[in-house]
């Protein structure tokens, strides 16, 4: 497969110049002769930027479980844990991580073996045996 580096070598320009000319970057200043030379070499190899771009598979969001010892009422009156809770949600969103479950303890329905379903676990609060 022909890439922009091969075209750049043959046209006598930098790979960046090839990229910008072939993507029709209007802010890039280059002579008409150089632009024509780049396009001629690209046509020689039947190079099309969008067809030669490597295809990256879509990123599957990771899922996490958040375990906390704070009840909603306790958290509502504790500014520190309100910020911790909000920070977990905001950072997960930035990192393309889905919070699949938010479990508050004590919770008799939760089994720790259930944590295996998730890519990760965040523990917030103080846990005892």
N, C-alpha and C. Protein backbone atom coordinates (compact mmCIF):
# COMPACT_ATOMS: atom_id res chain seq x y z
N UNK A 1 0.84 -1.18 0.00
CA UNK A 1 0.00 0.00 0.00
C UNK A 1 0.89 1.24 0.00
N UNK A 2 0.55 2.18 -0.83
CA UNK A 2 1.30 3.42 -0.92
C UNK A 2 0.84 4.36 0.17
N UNK A 3 1.80 5.00 0.83
CA UNK A 3 1.48 5.96 1.88
C UNK A 3 2.01 7.33 1.53
N UNK A 4 1.71 8.29 2.40
CA UNK A 4 2.13 9.66 2.10
C UNK A 4 3.65 9.82 2.14
N UNK A 5 4.34 8.98 2.89
CA UNK A 5 5.81 9.08 2.94
C UNK A 5 6.42 8.72 1.57
N UNK A 6 5.89 7.70 0.94
CA UNK A 6 6.39 7.30 -0.38
C UNK A 6 6.10 8.40 -1.40
N UNK A 7 4.91 8.95 -1.34
CA UNK A 7 4.55 10.05 -2.26
C UNK A 7 5.45 11.24 -2.00
N UNK A 8 5.70 11.55 -0.71
CA UNK A 8 6.54 12.69 -0.35
C UNK A 8 7.96 12.53 -0.89
N UNK A 9 8.52 11.33 -0.73
CA UNK A 9 9.88 11.08 -1.24
C UNK A 9 9.94 11.31 -2.75
N UNK A 10 8.98 10.74 -3.45
CA UNK A 10 8.99 10.83 -4.90
C UNK A 10 8.72 12.26 -5.39
N UNK A 11 7.89 12.99 -4.65
CA UNK A 11 7.56 14.37 -5.05
C UNK A 11 8.59 15.37 -4.53
N UNK A 12 9.47 14.92 -3.62
CA UNK A 12 10.51 15.81 -3.09
C UNK A 12 9.99 16.81 -2.09
N UNK A 13 8.99 16.40 -1.32
CA UNK A 13 8.40 17.28 -0.31
C UNK A 13 8.26 16.51 1.01
N UNK A 14 7.78 17.19 2.03
CA UNK A 14 7.59 16.53 3.31
C UNK A 14 6.25 15.78 3.34
N UNK A 15 6.15 14.76 4.19
CA UNK A 15 4.87 14.06 4.33
C UNK A 15 3.74 15.00 4.76
N UNK A 16 4.08 16.01 5.58
CA UNK A 16 3.07 16.97 6.01
C UNK A 16 2.52 17.74 4.81
N UNK A 17 3.40 18.10 3.87
CA UNK A 17 2.95 18.81 2.67
C UNK A 17 2.00 17.95 1.85
N UNK A 18 2.35 16.67 1.71
CA UNK A 18 1.48 15.75 0.97
C UNK A 18 0.12 15.67 1.65
N UNK A 19 0.13 15.50 2.94
CA UNK A 19 -1.13 15.38 3.69
C UNK A 19 -2.00 16.62 3.51
N UNK A 20 -1.39 17.78 3.64
CA UNK A 20 -2.17 19.01 3.56
C UNK A 20 -2.67 19.30 2.14
N UNK A 21 -1.86 18.98 1.13
CA UNK A 21 -2.30 19.19 -0.25
C UNK A 21 -3.44 18.23 -0.59
N UNK A 22 -3.28 16.95 -0.23
CA UNK A 22 -4.29 15.96 -0.59
C UNK A 22 -5.59 16.09 0.22
N UNK A 23 -5.50 16.77 1.37
CA UNK A 23 -6.73 17.01 2.13
C UNK A 23 -7.33 18.37 1.80
N UNK A 24 -6.77 19.01 0.77
CA UNK A 24 -7.26 20.31 0.28
C UNK A 24 -7.30 21.37 1.39
N UNK A 25 -6.22 21.43 2.17
CA UNK A 25 -6.10 22.42 3.24
C UNK A 25 -5.90 23.79 2.60
N UNK A 26 -6.92 24.64 2.67
CA UNK A 26 -6.86 25.95 2.02
C UNK A 26 -5.92 26.92 2.73
N UNK A 27 -5.57 26.64 3.98
CA UNK A 27 -4.67 27.54 4.70
C UNK A 27 -3.20 27.22 4.42
N UNK A 28 -2.94 26.15 3.67
CA UNK A 28 -1.57 25.74 3.37
C UNK A 28 -1.11 26.39 2.08
N UNK A 29 0.00 27.14 2.17
CA UNK A 29 0.53 27.85 1.01
C UNK A 29 1.65 27.02 0.37
N UNK A 30 1.42 26.65 -0.88
CA UNK A 30 2.40 25.88 -1.64
C UNK A 30 2.25 26.29 -3.11
N UNK A 31 3.35 26.23 -3.85
CA UNK A 31 3.29 26.66 -5.25
C UNK A 31 2.39 25.72 -6.06
N UNK A 32 1.90 26.23 -7.17
CA UNK A 32 1.04 25.43 -8.04
C UNK A 32 1.80 24.23 -8.58
N UNK A 33 3.09 24.43 -8.88
CA UNK A 33 3.89 23.34 -9.42
C UNK A 33 4.05 22.21 -8.40
N UNK A 34 4.31 22.58 -7.15
CA UNK A 34 4.47 21.57 -6.09
C UNK A 34 3.16 20.84 -5.86
N UNK A 35 2.07 21.60 -5.81
CA UNK A 35 0.75 21.00 -5.62
C UNK A 35 0.46 20.00 -6.75
N UNK A 36 0.77 20.40 -7.98
CA UNK A 36 0.53 19.54 -9.14
C UNK A 36 1.41 18.29 -9.09
N UNK A 37 2.68 18.47 -8.67
CA UNK A 37 3.61 17.34 -8.58
C UNK A 37 3.12 16.32 -7.55
N UNK A 38 2.65 16.80 -6.40
CA UNK A 38 2.14 15.91 -5.35
C UNK A 38 0.92 15.15 -5.87
N UNK A 39 0.00 15.86 -6.51
CA UNK A 39 -1.21 15.21 -7.02
C UNK A 39 -0.90 14.22 -8.14
N UNK A 40 0.12 14.52 -8.95
CA UNK A 40 0.51 13.61 -10.03
C UNK A 40 1.06 12.30 -9.45
N UNK A 41 1.93 12.40 -8.44
CA UNK A 41 2.49 11.19 -7.82
C UNK A 41 1.39 10.40 -7.12
N UNK A 42 0.49 11.09 -6.44
CA UNK A 42 -0.61 10.41 -5.76
C UNK A 42 -1.50 9.68 -6.77
N UNK A 43 -1.76 10.33 -7.89
CA UNK A 43 -2.58 9.70 -8.94
C UNK A 43 -1.87 8.49 -9.54
N UNK A 44 -0.55 8.59 -9.68
CA UNK A 44 0.25 7.48 -10.22
C UNK A 44 0.05 6.22 -9.38
N UNK A 45 -0.03 6.39 -8.08
CA UNK A 45 -0.21 5.24 -7.18
C UNK A 45 -1.67 5.01 -6.79
N UNK A 46 -2.56 5.78 -7.43
CA UNK A 46 -3.99 5.68 -7.16
C UNK A 46 -4.28 5.86 -5.65
N UNK A 47 -3.60 6.86 -5.08
CA UNK A 47 -3.72 7.12 -3.64
C UNK A 47 -4.92 8.03 -3.38
N UNK A 48 -5.76 7.61 -2.43
CA UNK A 48 -6.89 8.41 -1.97
C UNK A 48 -6.82 8.43 -0.45
N UNK A 49 -6.65 9.61 0.15
CA UNK A 49 -6.45 9.68 1.60
C UNK A 49 -7.49 8.93 2.42
N UNK A 50 -8.75 9.08 2.10
CA UNK A 50 -9.78 8.45 2.91
C UNK A 50 -9.83 6.94 2.71
N UNK A 51 -9.32 6.43 1.60
CA UNK A 51 -9.32 4.99 1.36
C UNK A 51 -8.09 4.31 1.98
N UNK A 52 -7.01 5.05 2.13
CA UNK A 52 -5.77 4.47 2.65
C UNK A 52 -5.61 4.64 4.16
N UNK A 53 -6.53 5.32 4.77
CA UNK A 53 -6.46 5.55 6.21
C UNK A 53 -6.73 4.24 6.95
N UNK A 54 -5.91 3.90 7.93
CA UNK A 54 -6.17 2.66 8.67
C UNK A 54 -7.49 2.76 9.43
N UNK A 55 -8.21 1.70 9.43
CA UNK A 55 -9.50 1.68 10.10
C UNK A 55 -9.26 1.24 11.55
N UNK A 56 -9.69 2.08 12.47
CA UNK A 56 -9.55 1.72 13.88
C UNK A 56 -10.90 1.23 14.37
N UNK A 57 -10.89 0.13 15.07
CA UNK A 57 -12.17 -0.39 15.56
C UNK A 57 -12.76 0.57 16.59
N UNK A 58 -14.08 0.63 16.66
CA UNK A 58 -14.68 1.51 17.65
C UNK A 58 -14.29 1.08 19.06
N UNK A 59 -14.08 2.07 19.90
CA UNK A 59 -13.68 1.79 21.27
C UNK A 59 -14.91 1.37 22.07
N UNK A 60 -14.82 0.19 22.64
CA UNK A 60 -15.92 -0.28 23.48
C UNK A 60 -15.76 0.35 24.85
N UNK A 61 -16.80 1.04 25.31
CA UNK A 61 -16.68 1.67 26.62
C UNK A 61 -16.48 0.63 27.71
N UNK A 62 -15.64 0.97 28.65
CA UNK A 62 -15.43 0.09 29.79
C UNK A 62 -16.56 0.32 30.79
N UNK A 63 -16.85 -0.71 31.55
CA UNK A 63 -17.90 -0.59 32.55
C UNK A 63 -17.29 -0.74 33.93
N UNK A 64 -17.78 0.09 34.85
CA UNK A 64 -17.28 0.00 36.21
C UNK A 64 -18.44 -0.08 37.20
N UNK A 65 -18.09 -0.57 38.35
CA UNK A 65 -18.99 -0.69 39.48
C UNK A 65 -18.46 0.24 40.55
N UNK A 66 -19.32 1.04 41.15
CA UNK A 66 -18.92 1.91 42.25
C UNK A 66 -19.56 1.38 43.52
N UNK A 67 -18.72 1.09 44.50
CA UNK A 67 -19.19 0.64 45.81
C UNK A 67 -18.93 1.76 46.81
N UNK A 68 -19.93 2.07 47.62
CA UNK A 68 -19.76 3.12 48.62
C UNK A 68 -20.48 2.75 49.90
N UNK A 69 -19.99 3.29 50.98
CA UNK A 69 -20.61 3.04 52.29
C UNK A 69 -21.52 4.20 52.69
N UNK A 70 -21.63 5.19 51.85
CA UNK A 70 -22.43 6.36 52.18
C UNK A 70 -23.85 6.24 51.62
N UNK A 71 -24.82 6.44 52.49
CA UNK A 71 -26.22 6.45 52.03
C UNK A 71 -26.45 7.78 51.31
N UNK A 72 -27.55 7.86 50.59
CA UNK A 72 -27.89 9.12 49.91
C UNK A 72 -28.03 10.26 50.90
N UNK A 73 -28.63 9.97 52.06
CA UNK A 73 -28.83 11.02 53.07
C UNK A 73 -27.50 11.51 53.64
N UNK A 74 -26.61 10.55 53.94
CA UNK A 74 -25.30 10.92 54.49
C UNK A 74 -24.51 11.72 53.46
N UNK A 75 -24.53 11.25 52.23
CA UNK A 75 -23.78 11.94 51.17
C UNK A 75 -24.32 13.34 50.93
N UNK A 76 -25.62 13.52 51.03
CA UNK A 76 -26.24 14.82 50.79
C UNK A 76 -25.76 15.87 51.80
N UNK A 77 -25.33 15.43 52.99
CA UNK A 77 -24.88 16.35 54.02
C UNK A 77 -23.36 16.38 54.17
N UNK A 78 -22.67 15.72 53.28
CA UNK A 78 -21.21 15.67 53.36
C UNK A 78 -20.63 16.22 52.06
N UNK A 79 -20.22 17.49 52.06
CA UNK A 79 -19.73 18.13 50.82
C UNK A 79 -18.54 17.39 50.18
N UNK A 80 -17.70 16.77 51.01
CA UNK A 80 -16.56 16.04 50.46
C UNK A 80 -17.03 14.87 49.59
N UNK A 81 -17.94 14.06 50.11
CA UNK A 81 -18.37 12.90 49.34
C UNK A 81 -19.30 13.28 48.19
N UNK A 82 -19.95 14.42 48.28
CA UNK A 82 -20.70 14.92 47.11
C UNK A 82 -19.72 15.17 45.97
N UNK A 83 -18.57 15.80 46.30
CA UNK A 83 -17.56 16.07 45.27
C UNK A 83 -16.92 14.78 44.76
N UNK A 84 -16.70 13.81 45.64
CA UNK A 84 -16.14 12.53 45.22
C UNK A 84 -17.10 11.85 44.23
N UNK A 85 -18.38 11.81 44.60
CA UNK A 85 -19.41 11.20 43.75
C UNK A 85 -19.45 11.89 42.38
N UNK A 86 -19.54 13.22 42.39
CA UNK A 86 -19.60 13.97 41.13
C UNK A 86 -18.31 13.80 40.31
N UNK A 87 -17.16 13.76 40.99
CA UNK A 87 -15.88 13.60 40.31
C UNK A 87 -15.78 12.25 39.62
N UNK A 88 -16.28 11.21 40.27
CA UNK A 88 -16.27 9.87 39.67
C UNK A 88 -17.10 9.88 38.39
N UNK A 89 -18.28 10.48 38.45
CA UNK A 89 -19.16 10.52 37.28
C UNK A 89 -18.54 11.34 36.15
N UNK A 90 -18.00 12.51 36.48
CA UNK A 90 -17.41 13.37 35.45
C UNK A 90 -16.19 12.73 34.80
N UNK A 91 -15.30 12.16 35.60
CA UNK A 91 -14.09 11.55 35.03
C UNK A 91 -14.43 10.32 34.21
N UNK A 92 -15.38 9.54 34.67
CA UNK A 92 -15.81 8.36 33.90
C UNK A 92 -16.32 8.80 32.53
N UNK A 93 -17.09 9.86 32.50
CA UNK A 93 -17.62 10.36 31.24
C UNK A 93 -16.48 10.81 30.31
N UNK A 94 -15.51 11.53 30.85
CA UNK A 94 -14.36 11.99 30.04
C UNK A 94 -13.56 10.82 29.47
N UNK A 95 -13.46 9.74 30.23
CA UNK A 95 -12.64 8.60 29.84
C UNK A 95 -13.43 7.54 29.06
N UNK A 96 -14.67 7.84 28.68
CA UNK A 96 -15.54 6.91 27.96
C UNK A 96 -15.75 5.62 28.76
N UNK A 97 -16.00 5.81 30.05
CA UNK A 97 -16.26 4.69 30.96
C UNK A 97 -17.70 4.80 31.42
N UNK A 98 -18.40 3.69 31.37
CA UNK A 98 -19.80 3.67 31.81
C UNK A 98 -19.87 3.16 33.25
N UNK A 99 -20.55 3.91 34.09
CA UNK A 99 -20.81 3.43 35.45
C UNK A 99 -22.08 2.60 35.35
N UNK A 100 -21.89 1.29 35.43
CA UNK A 100 -23.01 0.37 35.25
C UNK A 100 -23.83 0.21 36.52
N UNK A 101 -23.19 0.37 37.68
CA UNK A 101 -23.92 0.20 38.93
C UNK A 101 -23.27 1.06 40.01
N UNK A 102 -24.10 1.59 40.89
CA UNK A 102 -23.66 2.37 42.04
C UNK A 102 -24.29 1.70 43.24
N UNK A 103 -23.53 0.90 43.97
CA UNK A 103 -24.06 0.10 45.08
C UNK A 103 -23.69 0.75 46.40
N UNK A 104 -24.70 0.99 47.21
CA UNK A 104 -24.49 1.58 48.53
C UNK A 104 -24.61 0.49 49.59
N UNK A 105 -23.67 0.47 50.52
CA UNK A 105 -23.66 -0.54 51.58
C UNK A 105 -24.23 0.04 52.86
N UNK A 106 -24.84 -0.77 53.67
CA UNK A 106 -25.00 -2.21 53.52
C UNK A 106 -26.06 -2.53 52.45
N UNK A 107 -25.80 -3.60 51.70
CA UNK A 107 -26.71 -4.03 50.65
C UNK A 107 -26.68 -5.56 50.61
N UNK A 108 -27.69 -6.17 51.19
CA UNK A 108 -27.72 -7.63 51.30
C UNK A 108 -27.87 -8.32 49.96
N UNK A 109 -28.41 -7.63 48.95
CA UNK A 109 -28.63 -8.24 47.64
C UNK A 109 -27.33 -8.35 46.83
N UNK A 110 -26.32 -7.57 47.20
CA UNK A 110 -25.07 -7.56 46.43
C UNK A 110 -24.17 -8.70 46.84
N UNK A 111 -23.64 -9.40 45.85
CA UNK A 111 -22.65 -10.46 46.05
C UNK A 111 -21.34 -9.98 45.44
N UNK A 112 -20.24 -10.08 46.16
CA UNK A 112 -18.96 -9.60 45.65
C UNK A 112 -18.53 -10.33 44.38
N UNK A 113 -19.01 -11.53 44.17
CA UNK A 113 -18.69 -12.24 42.93
C UNK A 113 -19.31 -11.53 41.72
N UNK A 114 -20.34 -10.71 41.95
CA UNK A 114 -20.94 -9.93 40.86
C UNK A 114 -19.96 -8.92 40.27
N UNK A 115 -18.95 -8.55 41.01
CA UNK A 115 -17.97 -7.57 40.54
C UNK A 115 -17.21 -8.08 39.32
N UNK A 116 -17.20 -9.39 39.10
CA UNK A 116 -16.49 -9.96 37.94
C UNK A 116 -17.12 -9.56 36.62
N UNK A 117 -18.34 -9.07 36.64
CA UNK A 117 -19.04 -8.67 35.41
C UNK A 117 -18.51 -7.33 34.86
N UNK A 118 -17.74 -6.61 35.68
CA UNK A 118 -17.31 -5.27 35.33
C UNK A 118 -15.83 -5.25 34.98
N UNK A 119 -15.44 -4.19 34.24
CA UNK A 119 -14.03 -4.02 33.90
C UNK A 119 -13.23 -3.47 35.08
N UNK A 120 -13.92 -2.84 36.02
CA UNK A 120 -13.23 -2.28 37.17
C UNK A 120 -14.20 -1.94 38.28
N UNK A 121 -13.64 -1.69 39.45
CA UNK A 121 -14.44 -1.35 40.63
C UNK A 121 -13.82 -0.15 41.31
N UNK A 122 -14.64 0.82 41.68
CA UNK A 122 -14.18 1.95 42.48
C UNK A 122 -14.84 1.81 43.85
N UNK A 123 -14.02 1.92 44.89
CA UNK A 123 -14.53 1.80 46.26
C UNK A 123 -14.37 3.17 46.91
N UNK A 124 -15.50 3.71 47.40
CA UNK A 124 -15.48 5.02 48.06
C UNK A 124 -16.12 4.87 49.44
N UNK A 125 -15.37 5.25 50.44
CA UNK A 125 -15.88 5.14 51.80
C UNK A 125 -15.00 4.21 52.61
N UNK A 126 -15.44 3.94 53.84
CA UNK A 126 -14.68 3.08 54.74
C UNK A 126 -15.41 1.76 54.88
N UNK A 127 -14.73 0.69 54.51
CA UNK A 127 -15.29 -0.66 54.62
C UNK A 127 -14.58 -1.38 55.76
N UNK A 128 -15.36 -2.12 56.51
CA UNK A 128 -14.79 -2.96 57.55
C UNK A 128 -15.11 -4.41 57.19
N UNK A 129 -14.53 -5.34 57.94
CA UNK A 129 -14.82 -6.75 57.65
C UNK A 129 -16.28 -7.00 57.82
